[in-house]
Protein backbone atom coordinates (compact mmCIF):
# COMPACT_ATOMS: atom_id res chain seq x y z
CA MET A 1 58.26 30.64 28.51
CA LYS A 2 54.97 32.11 29.67
CA VAL A 3 55.13 34.69 26.90
CA VAL A 4 55.54 31.98 24.24
CA LEU A 5 52.63 30.03 25.71
CA VAL A 6 50.38 33.12 25.74
CA VAL A 7 51.33 33.95 22.14
CA LEU A 8 50.62 30.36 21.02
CA MET A 9 47.22 30.42 22.77
CA ALA A 10 46.33 33.76 21.18
CA VAL A 11 47.34 32.55 17.71
CA SER A 12 45.37 29.33 18.07
CA ALA A 13 42.30 31.22 19.33
CA LEU A 14 42.42 33.67 16.41
CA SER A 15 42.99 30.99 13.80
CA GLY A 16 39.72 29.31 14.84
CA CYS A 17 37.75 32.41 13.75
CA VAL A 18 38.19 32.17 9.99
CA PRO A 19 35.38 33.90 8.07
CA ARG A 20 33.43 31.63 5.74
CA ILE A 21 31.73 32.88 2.60
CA GLU A 22 29.12 30.70 0.92
CA VAL A 23 27.40 31.31 -2.41
CA ALA A 24 24.23 29.30 -2.96
CA ALA A 25 21.34 29.41 -5.42
CA PRO A 26 17.98 30.47 -3.97
CA LYS A 27 15.48 27.73 -3.16
CA GLU A 28 12.57 29.66 -4.73
CA PRO A 29 12.65 30.81 -8.37
CA ILE A 30 13.12 34.50 -9.01
CA THR A 31 9.86 36.17 -10.05
CA ILE A 32 9.85 39.48 -11.93
CA ASN A 33 6.48 41.20 -11.99
CA MET A 34 6.26 43.61 -14.90
CA ASN A 35 2.96 45.46 -14.85
CA VAL A 36 3.50 47.77 -17.79
CA ARG A 37 0.85 49.77 -19.55
CA ILE A 38 1.70 50.92 -23.06
CA GLU A 39 -0.48 53.36 -24.95
CA HIS A 40 0.09 54.55 -28.51
CA GLU A 41 -1.47 57.39 -30.39
CA ILE A 42 -0.78 57.45 -34.12
CA MET A 43 -1.73 60.49 -36.13
CA ILE A 44 -1.59 60.44 -39.93
CA LYS A 45 -1.74 63.60 -42.00
CA ALA A 46 -2.88 63.16 -45.58
CA ASP A 47 -2.82 65.57 -48.48
CA LYS A 48 -6.22 66.95 -49.61
CA ASP A 49 -5.93 65.07 -52.90
CA VAL A 50 -5.29 61.82 -51.07
CA GLU A 51 -8.22 62.44 -48.72
CA ALA A 52 -10.51 63.04 -51.72
CA LEU A 53 -9.24 59.87 -53.37
CA LEU A 54 -9.84 57.86 -50.21
CA ARG A 55 -13.38 59.25 -49.90
CA SER A 56 -14.19 58.43 -53.53
CA ARG A 57 -12.69 54.92 -53.23
CA SER A 58 -14.24 53.96 -49.90
CA ASP A 59 -14.70 50.38 -51.13
CA VAL A 60 -10.90 49.87 -50.96
CA PHE A 61 -10.69 50.40 -47.19
């Protein structure tokens, strides 16, 4: 009888320790700081005839 009582007490004590998982949204909004520096270097090669045309027609550009 004592063994049954001890087993019942152990089972009741262990059943009280049930893990609880909670998923909740944060109270503050999520902030993403993106400090990005972008640099471009564009190089254009032109044919000598095109360069001469561009020089002679400088009023176009």
